[in-house]
Amino acid sequence: MELFIANRHAHQVLENRGIKVYKNFVGEFMTSLEMAGMSITLLKLDQELKELLDAPTDINLMK
């Protein structure tokens, strides 16, 4: 729940500065046993990167 609260606040801060958020991902994508807190990563997108981000994927690669 804390990650979603932080995500909402970050989204509001970015929008207040005129930065449009295209897409966000919230979850435990990279963890460490000894890590406290969280991290936020931002990426400036162009049209090519948007297409790659939205491209379909196959999660069943390991058969």
Protein backbone atom coordinates (compact mmCIF):
# COMPACT_ATOMS: atom_id res chain seq x y z
CA MET A 1 0.00 0.00 0.00
CA GLU A 2 2.88 2.37 0.76
CA LEU A 3 4.16 2.02 -2.80
CA PHE A 4 0.82 3.17 -4.21
CA ILE A 5 0.78 6.17 -1.86
CA ALA A 6 4.30 7.13 -2.97
CA ASN A 7 3.31 6.60 -6.62
CA ARG A 8 0.31 8.92 -6.27
CA HIS A 9 2.43 11.62 -4.65
CA ALA A 10 5.17 11.33 -7.28
CA HIS A 11 2.54 11.52 -10.02
CA GLN A 12 1.06 14.68 -8.49
CA VAL A 13 4.50 16.31 -8.13
CA LEU A 14 5.38 15.56 -11.76
CA GLU A 15 2.04 16.84 -13.07
CA ASN A 16 2.40 20.03 -11.01
CA ARG A 17 5.71 20.60 -12.81
CA GLY A 18 4.11 20.08 -16.23
CA ILE A 19 5.49 16.57 -16.75
CA LYS A 20 2.99 14.17 -18.31
CA VAL A 21 3.08 10.61 -16.97
CA TYR A 22 2.53 8.10 -19.78
CA LYS A 23 2.51 4.87 -17.77
CA ASN A 24 3.57 3.69 -14.35
CA PHE A 25 4.43 0.37 -12.78
CA VAL A 26 4.16 -0.25 -9.05
CA GLY A 27 5.51 -3.40 -7.45
CA GLU A 28 8.48 -5.33 -6.17
CA PHE A 29 10.45 -5.55 -9.40
CA MET A 30 13.87 -5.41 -7.79
CA THR A 31 14.38 -6.22 -4.15
CA SER A 32 17.20 -6.62 -1.69
CA LEU A 33 17.07 -8.45 1.62
CA GLU A 34 18.79 -5.58 3.40
CA MET A 35 17.14 -2.72 1.51
CA ALA A 36 14.94 -0.27 3.36
CA GLY A 37 12.67 2.18 1.58
CA MET A 38 11.88 2.33 -2.11
CA SER A 39 13.17 3.73 -5.36
CA ILE A 40 11.58 5.68 -8.21
CA THR A 41 12.87 5.51 -11.76
CA LEU A 42 11.83 8.02 -14.44
CA LEU A 43 12.36 7.65 -18.18
CA LYS A 44 11.86 10.34 -20.79
CA LEU A 45 10.01 8.68 -23.66
CA ASP A 46 9.99 9.38 -27.37
CA GLN A 47 7.58 7.72 -29.81
CA GLU A 48 9.91 4.77 -30.48
CA LEU A 49 10.28 3.99 -26.78
CA LYS A 50 6.51 4.25 -26.25
CA GLU A 51 5.96 1.67 -28.99
CA LEU A 52 8.54 -0.65 -27.44
CA LEU A 53 7.06 -0.21 -23.96
CA ASP A 54 3.59 -1.07 -25.29
CA ALA A 55 4.75 -3.99 -27.46
CA PRO A 56 3.23 -7.37 -26.62
CA THR A 57 5.35 -9.80 -24.65
CA ASP A 58 5.34 -13.54 -24.09
CA ILE A 59 5.83 -14.49 -20.47
CA ASN A 60 6.06 -18.19 -21.39
CA LEU A 61 9.59 -17.96 -22.82
CA MET A 62 10.88 -20.75 -20.55
CA LYS A 63 9.16 -23.90 -21.85
